[in-house]
């Protein structure tokens, strides 16, 4: 079965950096477009970044462009999100996502807190 396990979240001061990872299994990772979403308290879940199967195309929410970098290692079945210049408004639970047809798969999420 599909499993997505996020890690790397934590507490960081504004301007700091974190690198999130998502270990994937149970499907052909190398053939799958992958995304990162986040959900802040009392807000809807929003798409943060997307990467196509071979990594040739990436897309970002306007709020993170120039600060976040999505990447993948298909040999390790792992998705990454490098987050730089973090702001308090980046505080959220970050989720790895796979869409197969009409079915969305989610990890358990990893908490990112940006605060001084």
C-alpha atoms as a PDB file:
ATOM      1  CA  UNK A   1       0.000   0.000   0.000  1.00  0.00           C
ATOM      2  CA  UNK A   2       1.034   3.603  -0.485  1.00  0.00           C
ATOM      3  CA  UNK A   3       3.037   5.013   2.390  1.00  0.00           C
ATOM      4  CA  UNK A   4       4.348   8.546   2.705  1.00  0.00           C
ATOM      5  CA  UNK A   5       6.417   9.418   5.767  1.00  0.00           C
ATOM      6  CA  UNK A   6       7.485  13.015   6.311  1.00  0.00           C
ATOM      7  CA  UNK A   7      10.338  14.116   8.540  1.00  0.00           C
ATOM      8  CA  UNK A   8      12.566  17.100   9.164  1.00  0.00           C
ATOM      9  CA  UNK A   9      10.162  19.561  10.712  1.00  0.00           C
ATOM     10  CA  UNK A  10      10.940  21.519  13.828  1.00  0.00           C
ATOM     11  CA  UNK A  11      11.245  24.887  15.475  1.00  0.00           C
ATOM     12  CA  UNK A  12      13.297  27.558  13.745  1.00  0.00           C
ATOM     13  CA  UNK A  13      13.785  31.301  14.068  1.00  0.00           C
ATOM     14  CA  UNK A  14      12.752  33.661  11.277  1.00  0.00           C
ATOM     15  CA  UNK A  15      15.335  33.655   8.527  1.00  0.00           C
ATOM     16  CA  UNK A  16      16.354  30.106   9.280  1.00  0.00           C
ATOM     17  CA  UNK A  17      16.245  26.998   7.144  1.00  0.00           C
ATOM     18  CA  UNK A  18      14.834  23.495   7.311  1.00  0.00           C
ATOM     19  CA  UNK A  19      14.886  20.544   4.964  1.00  0.00           C
ATOM     20  CA  UNK A  20      11.867  18.287   4.880  1.00  0.00           C
ATOM     21  CA  UNK A  21      11.972  14.733   3.571  1.00  0.00           C
ATOM     22  CA  UNK A  22       9.229  12.367   2.480  1.00  0.00           C
ATOM     23  CA  UNK A  23      10.032   8.676   2.218  1.00  0.00           C
ATOM     24  CA  UNK A  24       7.698   6.993  -0.256  1.00  0.00           C
ATOM     25  CA  UNK A  25       6.819   3.343  -0.782  1.00  0.00           C
ATOM     26  CA  UNK A  26       4.092   1.141  -2.222  1.00  0.00           C
ATOM     27  CA  UNK A  27       3.983   2.742  -5.662  1.00  0.00           C
ATOM     28  CA  UNK A  28       6.262   3.613  -8.560  1.00  0.00           C
ATOM     29  CA  UNK A  29       7.767   6.771  -7.133  1.00  0.00           C
ATOM     30  CA  UNK A  30       9.936   7.480 -10.158  1.00  0.00           C
ATOM     31  CA  UNK A  31       6.853   7.713 -12.384  1.00  0.00           C
ATOM     32  CA  UNK A  32       4.838   9.958 -10.094  1.00  0.00           C
ATOM     33  CA  UNK A  33       4.384  13.692  -9.839  1.00  0.00           C
ATOM     34  CA  UNK A  34       4.723  14.640  -6.174  1.00  0.00           C
ATOM     35  CA  UNK A  35       3.612  17.636  -4.193  1.00  0.00           C
ATOM     36  CA  UNK A  36       4.082  19.318  -0.845  1.00  0.00           C
ATOM     37  CA  UNK A  37       1.099  20.893   0.873  1.00  0.00           C
ATOM     38  CA  UNK A  38       0.822  22.736   4.144  1.00  0.00           C
ATOM     39  CA  UNK A  39      -1.943  23.577   6.552  1.00  0.00           C
ATOM     40  CA  UNK A  40      -1.747  26.348   9.103  1.00  0.00           C
ATOM     41  CA  UNK A  41      -4.081  26.480  12.095  1.00  0.00           C
ATOM     42  CA  UNK A  42      -7.624  27.426  11.088  1.00  0.00           C
ATOM     43  CA  UNK A  43      -6.632  27.668   7.427  1.00  0.00           C
ATOM     44  CA  UNK A  44      -7.264  25.449   4.442  1.00  0.00           C
ATOM     45  CA  UNK A  45      -4.591  23.118   3.194  1.00  0.00           C
ATOM     46  CA  UNK A  46      -2.622  24.762   0.381  1.00  0.00           C
ATOM     47  CA  UNK A  47      -0.274  23.509  -2.294  1.00  0.00           C
ATOM     48  CA  UNK A  48       3.295  24.611  -1.674  1.00  0.00           C
ATOM     49  CA  UNK A  49       5.324  22.964  -4.426  1.00  0.00           C
ATOM     50  CA  UNK A  50       5.078  20.347  -7.145  1.00  0.00           C
ATOM     51  CA  UNK A  51       7.654  18.317  -9.031  1.00  0.00           C
ATOM     52  CA  UNK A  52       7.161  16.040 -12.009  1.00  0.00           C
ATOM     53  CA  UNK A  53       8.394  12.469 -12.099  1.00  0.00           C
ATOM     54  CA  UNK A  54      11.852  13.135 -13.517  1.00  0.00           C
ATOM     55  CA  UNK A  55      12.144  16.468 -11.795  1.00  0.00           C
ATOM     56  CA  UNK A  56      12.086  18.417 -15.013  1.00  0.00           C
ATOM     57  CA  UNK A  57       9.206  20.660 -14.042  1.00  0.00           C
ATOM     58  CA  UNK A  58       8.623  22.333 -10.711  1.00  0.00           C
ATOM     59  CA  UNK A  59       5.996  24.780  -9.586  1.00  0.00           C
ATOM     60  CA  UNK A  60       5.634  26.839  -6.422  1.00  0.00           C
ATOM     61  CA  UNK A  61       3.064  28.846  -4.573  1.00  0.00           C
ATOM     62  CA  UNK A  62       3.763  32.553  -4.953  1.00  0.00           C
ATOM     63  CA  UNK A  63       4.286  32.833  -1.213  1.00  0.00           C
ATOM     64  CA  UNK A  64       7.336  30.536  -1.281  1.00  0.00           C
ATOM     65  CA  UNK A  65       8.910  31.289  -4.669  1.00  0.00           C
ATOM     66  CA  UNK A  66      12.589  32.070  -4.378  1.00  0.00           C
ATOM     67  CA  UNK A  67      12.749  30.667  -0.842  1.00  0.00           C
ATOM     68  CA  UNK A  68      11.722  27.005  -1.156  1.00  0.00           C
ATOM     69  CA  UNK A  69      13.180  24.337  -3.413  1.00  0.00           C
ATOM     70  CA  UNK A  70      11.473  21.031  -4.152  1.00  0.00           C
ATOM     71  CA  UNK A  71      13.602  18.118  -5.304  1.00  0.00           C
ATOM     72  CA  UNK A  72      13.569  14.343  -5.443  1.00  0.00           C
ATOM     73  CA  UNK A  73      15.884  11.365  -5.441  1.00  0.00           C
ATOM     74  CA  UNK A  74      14.191   8.631  -7.437  1.00  0.00           C
ATOM     75  CA  UNK A  75      16.895   6.129  -6.493  1.00  0.00           C
ATOM     76  CA  UNK A  76      15.975   6.621  -2.828  1.00  0.00           C
ATOM     77  CA  UNK A  77      12.216   7.066  -3.334  1.00  0.00           C
ATOM     78  CA  UNK A  78      12.471  10.315  -1.420  1.00  0.00           C
ATOM     79  CA  UNK A  79      10.975  13.754  -1.909  1.00  0.00           C
ATOM     80  CA  UNK A  80      12.546  16.870  -0.381  1.00  0.00           C
ATOM     81  CA  UNK A  81      11.605  20.434   0.404  1.00  0.00           C
ATOM     82  CA  UNK A  82      14.436  22.824   1.190  1.00  0.00           C
ATOM     83  CA  UNK A  83      12.997  25.828   2.993  1.00  0.00           C
ATOM     84  CA  UNK A  84      15.131  28.946   3.351  1.00  0.00           C
ATOM     85  CA  UNK A  85      14.472  32.429   4.696  1.00  0.00           C
ATOM     86  CA  UNK A  86      11.625  31.074   6.749  1.00  0.00           C
ATOM     87  CA  UNK A  87       8.939  33.445   7.968  1.00  0.00           C
ATOM     88  CA  UNK A  88       6.428  33.119  10.811  1.00  0.00           C
ATOM     89  CA  UNK A  89       3.693  32.734   8.205  1.00  0.00           C
ATOM     90  CA  UNK A  90       5.358  29.528   7.029  1.00  0.00           C
ATOM     91  CA  UNK A  91       4.316  27.918  10.298  1.00  0.00           C
ATOM     92  CA  UNK A  92       2.154  24.926   9.413  1.00  0.00           C
ATOM     93  CA  UNK A  93       1.979  21.170   9.200  1.00  0.00           C
ATOM     94  CA  UNK A  94       3.645  20.130   5.962  1.00  0.00           C
ATOM     95  CA  UNK A  95       2.346  17.121   4.049  1.00  0.00           C
ATOM     96  CA  UNK A  96       3.712  15.042   1.233  1.00  0.00           C
ATOM     97  CA  UNK A  97       1.077  14.170  -1.351  1.00  0.00           C
ATOM     98  CA  UNK A  98       0.531  11.683  -4.152  1.00  0.00           C
ATOM     99  CA  UNK A  99      -2.451  11.864  -6.479  1.00  0.00           C
ATOM    100  CA  UNK A 100      -3.405   8.663  -8.304  1.00  0.00           C
ATOM    101  CA  UNK A 101      -6.404   9.350 -10.439  1.00  0.00           C
ATOM    102  CA  UNK A 102      -9.054  10.701  -8.085  1.00  0.00           C
ATOM    103  CA  UNK A 103      -7.385   9.323  -4.975  1.00  0.00           C
ATOM    104  CA  UNK A 104      -5.123  11.473  -2.854  1.00  0.00           C
ATOM    105  CA  UNK A 105      -2.611   9.919  -0.488  1.00  0.00           C
ATOM    106  CA  UNK A 106      -1.157  11.849   2.435  1.00  0.00           C
ATOM    107  CA  UNK A 107       1.557  11.346   4.951  1.00  0.00           C
ATOM    108  CA  UNK A 108       1.068  12.074   8.632  1.00  0.00           C
ATOM    109  CA  UNK A 109       2.633  15.499   8.256  1.00  0.00           C
ATOM    110  CA  UNK A 110       5.538  17.224   9.945  1.00  0.00           C
ATOM    111  CA  UNK A 111       5.188  20.379  12.020  1.00  0.00           C
ATOM    112  CA  UNK A 112       7.188  23.462  11.090  1.00  0.00           C
ATOM    113  CA  UNK A 113       7.150  26.345  13.546  1.00  0.00           C
ATOM    114  CA  UNK A 114       8.854  29.636  12.741  1.00  0.00           C
ATOM    115  CA  UNK A 115       9.059  31.982  15.677  1.00  0.00           C
ATOM    116  CA  UNK A 116      11.435  34.217  17.536  1.00  0.00           C
END
